[in-house]
Amino acid sequence: MAAYNAEKTIEQAINSVLRQTYTDFELLVVNDCSKDRTVELVKSIAARDSRVRLISNVKNSGVSYTRKHGLEEAKGSWIAILDSDDAWAPEKLEKQIALQKRMNADLLFTGSAFMDLDGQPIDWYLHAPAEVTYRQLLKQNVLSNSSALVRKELYAKHYAIGDGMHEDFAIWLSILKEGKKAYGVDEPLLIYRIAKSSKSGNKVKAAKMNWNTYRYVGLNPLEAFYYECWYMVKGLLKYKNLK
């Protein structure tokens, strides 16, 4: 969990992890030099639950590097990401691990429910297809970052840093480009907070970042334009439901 000035939401995010029905995990909260009460709140929770470990960057470095710092410190063989303003349903990890064992999967994700900036639920959720290939994911990123569960070795191999693109999308595409599939649990086990100030909240900026992601993974301009059109259509349909 990367965290920067997250005092308003981080307790909800951390508590949603600690309430998981699957309990054998460590939660690494990586503080990116927050100036509010983020560190104080995390330390308070960590004092009560030894599974929570606080790590701090030496200087403010942005979310890509901050997640990489957590990856380098992680002890387990699987990585799950949760943004500090999102939350998990209690059975999120348990259901993903059960699916992983059935399918021998390398990358898994879930459906997403949504809440507004104040934490109020939005009456719609994004379904998760049973499986997604590289070409399918190019048309729409249905693999929400905070819903992912991925083998650590793959996550490290394909890790991408770049605030000018959707670095998580680039990672998933790079993994699936190897011929692997991502497997979805079609339940709203991620609760995603809609915040207009986020990188994905500004639609024009998000579209530019999506284009940069396509170019990063090796698409030529014509291919990138084709899939960018898919992205725009799928995005309009998605956000129509979220209004």
Protein backbone atom coordinates (compact mmCIF):
# COMPACT_ATOMS: atom_id res chain seq x y z
CA MET A 1 0.00 0.00 0.00
CA ALA A 2 1.61 3.22 -1.18
CA ALA A 3 0.57 6.17 0.99
CA TYR A 4 0.92 9.92 0.62
CA ASN A 5 -1.13 12.34 2.73
CA ALA A 6 -3.77 9.65 3.14
CA GLU A 7 -5.03 10.43 6.64
CA LYS A 8 -8.67 10.65 5.51
CA THR A 9 -8.85 7.16 4.00
CA ILE A 10 -5.94 5.00 5.10
CA GLU A 11 -7.54 3.59 8.25
CA GLN A 12 -10.48 2.25 6.22
CA ALA A 13 -8.07 0.77 3.66
CA ILE A 14 -5.85 -0.93 6.25
CA ASN A 15 -8.78 -2.24 8.29
CA SER A 16 -10.27 -3.81 5.16
CA VAL A 17 -7.03 -5.80 4.82
CA LEU A 18 -6.92 -6.79 8.46
CA ARG A 19 -10.51 -8.09 8.22
CA GLN A 20 -9.60 -10.57 5.48
CA THR A 21 -10.82 -14.12 6.06
CA TYR A 22 -7.44 -15.25 4.68
CA THR A 23 -5.05 -14.18 7.42
CA ASP A 24 -1.54 -15.33 6.39
CA PHE A 25 -0.17 -12.08 4.96
CA GLU A 26 2.01 -9.08 5.69
CA LEU A 27 0.78 -5.58 4.92
CA LEU A 28 3.54 -3.21 3.86
CA VAL A 29 2.49 0.43 4.03
CA VAL A 30 5.05 2.52 2.16
CA ASN A 31 4.94 6.16 3.21
CA ASP A 32 6.03 8.60 0.50
CA CYS A 33 7.01 11.42 2.88
CA SER A 34 3.47 12.34 3.93
CA LYS A 35 3.00 15.69 5.65
CA ASP A 36 -0.23 14.86 7.46
CA ARG A 37 -1.09 12.24 10.11
CA THR A 38 -0.62 9.23 7.82
CA VAL A 39 2.47 7.90 9.64
CA GLU A 40 0.91 8.41 13.06
CA LEU A 41 -2.21 6.48 12.07
CA VAL A 42 -0.25 3.59 10.53
CA LYS A 43 2.04 3.32 13.56
CA SER A 44 -0.99 3.14 15.83
CA ILE A 45 -2.50 0.26 13.84
CA ALA A 46 0.88 -1.53 13.53
CA ALA A 47 1.27 -1.44 17.30
CA ARG A 48 -1.91 -3.52 17.57
CA ASP A 49 -1.32 -5.90 14.65
CA SER A 50 2.16 -7.25 13.87
CA ARG A 51 1.18 -8.05 10.27
CA VAL A 52 1.34 -4.32 9.46
CA ARG A 53 4.79 -2.93 8.69
CA LEU A 54 5.52 0.73 7.97
CA ILE A 55 8.25 1.59 5.46
CA SER A 56 9.24 5.14 4.49
CA ASN A 57 10.87 6.59 1.42
CA VAL A 58 13.90 8.82 2.01
CA LYS A 59 12.36 11.46 -0.27
CA ASN A 60 9.03 11.97 -2.01
CA SER A 61 9.29 9.75 -5.09
CA GLY A 62 5.81 9.19 -6.56
CA VAL A 63 3.56 6.17 -6.52
CA SER A 64 5.48 4.01 -9.04
CA TYR A 65 8.72 4.08 -7.07
CA THR A 66 6.84 3.79 -3.78
CA ARG A 67 5.18 0.52 -4.84
CA LYS A 68 8.56 -0.72 -6.10
CA HIS A 69 10.03 0.00 -2.65
CA GLY A 70 7.30 -2.19 -1.16
CA LEU A 71 7.97 -4.92 -3.72
CA GLU A 72 11.66 -4.98 -2.75
CA GLU A 73 10.75 -5.34 0.93
CA ALA A 74 8.02 -7.97 0.48
CA LYS A 75 8.76 -11.42 1.90
CA GLY A 76 5.94 -13.42 0.33
CA SER A 77 5.76 -15.07 -3.09
CA TRP A 78 2.54 -13.24 -4.04
CA ILE A 79 1.82 -9.53 -4.29
CA ALA A 80 -1.57 -7.85 -3.82
CA ILE A 81 -1.86 -4.09 -4.24
CA LEU A 82 -4.31 -1.83 -2.46
CA ASP A 83 -4.37 1.94 -2.92
CA SER A 84 -4.70 3.87 0.32
CA ASP A 85 -8.10 5.29 -0.68
CA ASP A 86 -9.67 1.97 -1.73
CA ALA A 87 -10.88 -1.02 0.29
CA TRP A 88 -11.34 -4.78 0.02
CA ALA A 89 -14.34 -6.94 0.85
CA PRO A 90 -13.48 -9.47 3.61
CA GLU A 91 -13.29 -12.53 1.31
CA LYS A 92 -11.18 -10.90 -1.40
CA LEU A 93 -7.92 -12.76 -0.81
CA GLU A 94 -9.53 -16.06 0.16
CA LYS A 95 -11.59 -16.28 -3.04
CA GLN A 96 -8.67 -15.29 -5.24
CA ILE A 97 -6.37 -17.86 -3.66
CA ALA A 98 -9.00 -20.57 -4.12
CA LEU A 99 -9.28 -19.65 -7.82
CA GLN A 100 -5.51 -19.57 -8.16
CA LYS A 101 -5.28 -23.13 -6.90
CA ARG A 102 -8.00 -24.31 -9.28
CA MET A 103 -6.51 -22.65 -12.35
CA ASN A 104 -2.80 -22.56 -11.40
CA ALA A 105 -3.03 -18.87 -12.28
CA ASP A 106 -0.22 -16.32 -12.30
CA LEU A 107 -2.39 -13.19 -12.27
CA LEU A 108 -5.86 -12.71 -10.80
CA PHE A 109 -8.31 -9.87 -10.32
CA THR A 110 -11.87 -9.23 -9.12
CA GLY A 111 -14.95 -7.22 -9.95
CA SER A 112 -15.16 -3.70 -8.56
CA ALA A 113 -17.75 -1.86 -6.54
CA PHE A 114 -17.46 1.91 -6.29
CA MET A 115 -17.80 4.61 -3.66
CA ASP A 116 -17.75 8.38 -3.92
CA LEU A 117 -15.18 10.70 -2.38
CA ASP A 118 -17.01 10.61 0.94
CA GLY A 119 -17.13 6.81 1.04
CA GLN A 120 -20.79 6.50 0.06
CA PRO A 121 -21.53 3.43 -2.11
CA ILE A 122 -22.49 3.80 -5.76
CA ASP A 123 -25.19 1.38 -6.90
CA TRP A 124 -23.30 -0.33 -9.76
CA TYR A 125 -20.34 -2.63 -10.08
CA LEU A 126 -17.89 -3.56 -12.81
CA HIS A 127 -18.07 -7.26 -13.61
CA ALA A 128 -14.92 -9.33 -13.97
CA PRO A 129 -14.71 -11.71 -16.94
CA ALA A 130 -13.69 -15.28 -16.11
CA GLU A 131 -10.43 -14.84 -18.02
CA VAL A 132 -8.67 -12.16 -20.02
CA THR A 133 -5.99 -12.44 -22.70
CA TYR A 134 -3.49 -9.83 -23.86
CA ARG A 135 -5.58 -8.69 -26.84
CA GLN A 136 -8.74 -8.51 -24.74
CA LEU A 137 -7.06 -6.42 -22.07
CA LEU A 138 -5.80 -3.98 -24.71
CA LYS A 139 -9.44 -3.08 -25.47
CA GLN A 140 -10.32 -2.31 -21.85
CA ASN A 141 -8.32 -2.50 -18.65
CA VAL A 142 -10.77 -4.50 -16.54
CA LEU A 143 -7.93 -5.45 -14.20
CA SER A 144 -8.17 -2.83 -11.45
CA ASN A 145 -4.82 -2.34 -9.75
CA SER A 146 -6.23 -2.64 -6.23
CA SER A 147 -7.89 -5.95 -7.12
CA ALA A 148 -4.76 -7.66 -8.46
CA LEU A 149 -3.05 -10.73 -7.03
CA VAL A 150 0.14 -11.63 -8.91
CA ARG A 151 3.18 -13.85 -8.53
CA LYS A 152 5.96 -11.73 -7.08
CA GLU A 153 8.54 -12.96 -9.60
CA LEU A 154 6.32 -11.88 -12.53
CA TYR A 155 5.46 -8.55 -10.94
CA ALA A 156 9.16 -7.82 -10.41
CA LYS A 157 10.13 -8.97 -13.92
CA HIS A 158 7.61 -6.71 -15.65
CA TYR A 159 7.53 -3.82 -13.19
CA ALA A 160 7.07 -0.47 -14.92
CA ILE A 161 7.81 3.03 -13.63
CA GLY A 162 6.41 6.11 -15.31
CA ASP A 163 3.92 8.71 -14.11
CA GLY A 164 3.16 9.61 -17.74
CA MET A 165 1.35 6.32 -18.29
CA HIS A 166 -0.82 3.80 -16.46
CA GLU A 167 2.10 1.83 -15.06
CA ASP A 168 -0.11 -0.89 -13.56
CA PHE A 169 -1.81 -1.43 -16.95
CA ALA A 170 1.64 -1.69 -18.54
CA ILE A 171 2.62 -4.40 -16.06
CA TRP A 172 -0.49 -6.50 -16.69
CA LEU A 173 -0.13 -6.17 -20.46
CA SER A 174 3.54 -7.16 -20.32
CA ILE A 175 2.68 -10.27 -18.29
CA LEU A 176 -0.15 -11.33 -20.60
CA LYS A 177 1.96 -10.65 -23.67
CA GLU A 178 3.96 -13.73 -22.64
CA GLY A 179 0.87 -15.78 -23.48
CA LYS A 180 -0.53 -15.99 -19.96
CA LYS A 181 -4.12 -15.27 -18.97
CA ALA A 182 -5.55 -13.27 -16.07
CA TYR A 183 -8.40 -14.91 -14.14
CA GLY A 184 -11.24 -12.96 -12.59
CA VAL A 185 -13.51 -13.50 -9.60
CA ASP A 186 -16.80 -11.96 -10.74
CA GLU A 187 -17.74 -10.41 -7.42
CA PRO A 188 -17.31 -6.79 -6.25
CA LEU A 189 -14.46 -7.63 -3.86
CA LEU A 190 -12.71 -4.31 -4.48
CA ILE A 191 -14.38 -1.07 -3.41
CA TYR A 192 -12.84 1.63 -5.57
CA ARG A 193 -13.06 5.29 -4.57
CA ILE A 194 -13.89 7.70 -7.38
CA ALA A 195 -11.73 10.80 -6.90
CA LYS A 196 -11.58 13.41 -9.64
CA SER A 197 -8.13 14.53 -8.47
CA SER A 198 -6.61 11.08 -9.12
CA LYS A 199 -4.61 10.22 -12.21
CA SER A 200 -7.56 8.25 -13.61
CA GLY A 201 -10.12 10.87 -12.55
CA ASN A 202 -9.13 13.39 -15.26
CA LYS A 203 -10.45 11.79 -18.45
CA VAL A 204 -8.28 13.71 -20.93
CA LYS A 205 -5.13 13.02 -18.92
CA ALA A 206 -6.15 9.38 -18.51
CA ALA A 207 -6.58 8.99 -22.28
CA LYS A 208 -3.10 10.43 -22.92
CA MET A 209 -1.64 8.10 -20.31
CA ASN A 210 -3.44 5.17 -21.92
CA TRP A 211 -1.86 6.05 -25.29
CA ASN A 212 1.57 6.22 -23.65
CA THR A 213 0.95 2.80 -22.11
CA TYR A 214 0.19 1.27 -25.51
CA ARG A 215 3.38 2.72 -26.92
CA TYR A 216 5.37 1.51 -23.89
CA VAL A 217 4.30 -2.12 -24.44
CA GLY A 218 5.35 -1.96 -28.09
CA LEU A 219 2.27 -1.09 -30.12
CA ASN A 220 2.94 0.93 -33.26
CA PRO A 221 0.93 4.16 -33.76
CA LEU A 222 -1.76 2.46 -35.90
CA GLU A 223 -2.26 -0.34 -33.38
CA ALA A 224 -2.27 2.15 -30.52
CA PHE A 225 -4.92 4.26 -32.28
CA TYR A 226 -7.10 1.18 -32.86
CA TYR A 227 -7.03 0.17 -29.20
CA GLU A 228 -7.33 3.77 -28.02
CA CYS A 229 -10.69 3.90 -29.83
CA TRP A 230 -11.77 0.76 -27.97
CA TYR A 231 -10.58 2.35 -24.72
CA MET A 232 -12.66 5.49 -25.30
CA VAL A 233 -15.84 3.60 -26.17
CA LYS A 234 -15.51 1.19 -23.24
CA GLY A 235 -14.66 4.08 -20.93
CA LEU A 236 -17.75 6.05 -21.95
CA LEU A 237 -19.96 3.05 -21.28
CA LYS A 238 -18.30 2.44 -17.91
CA TYR A 239 -18.52 5.99 -16.62
CA LYS A 240 -22.09 6.39 -17.87
CA ASN A 241 -22.98 3.84 -15.20
CA LEU A 242 -20.99 5.69 -12.55
CA LYS A 243 -22.72 9.05 -12.97
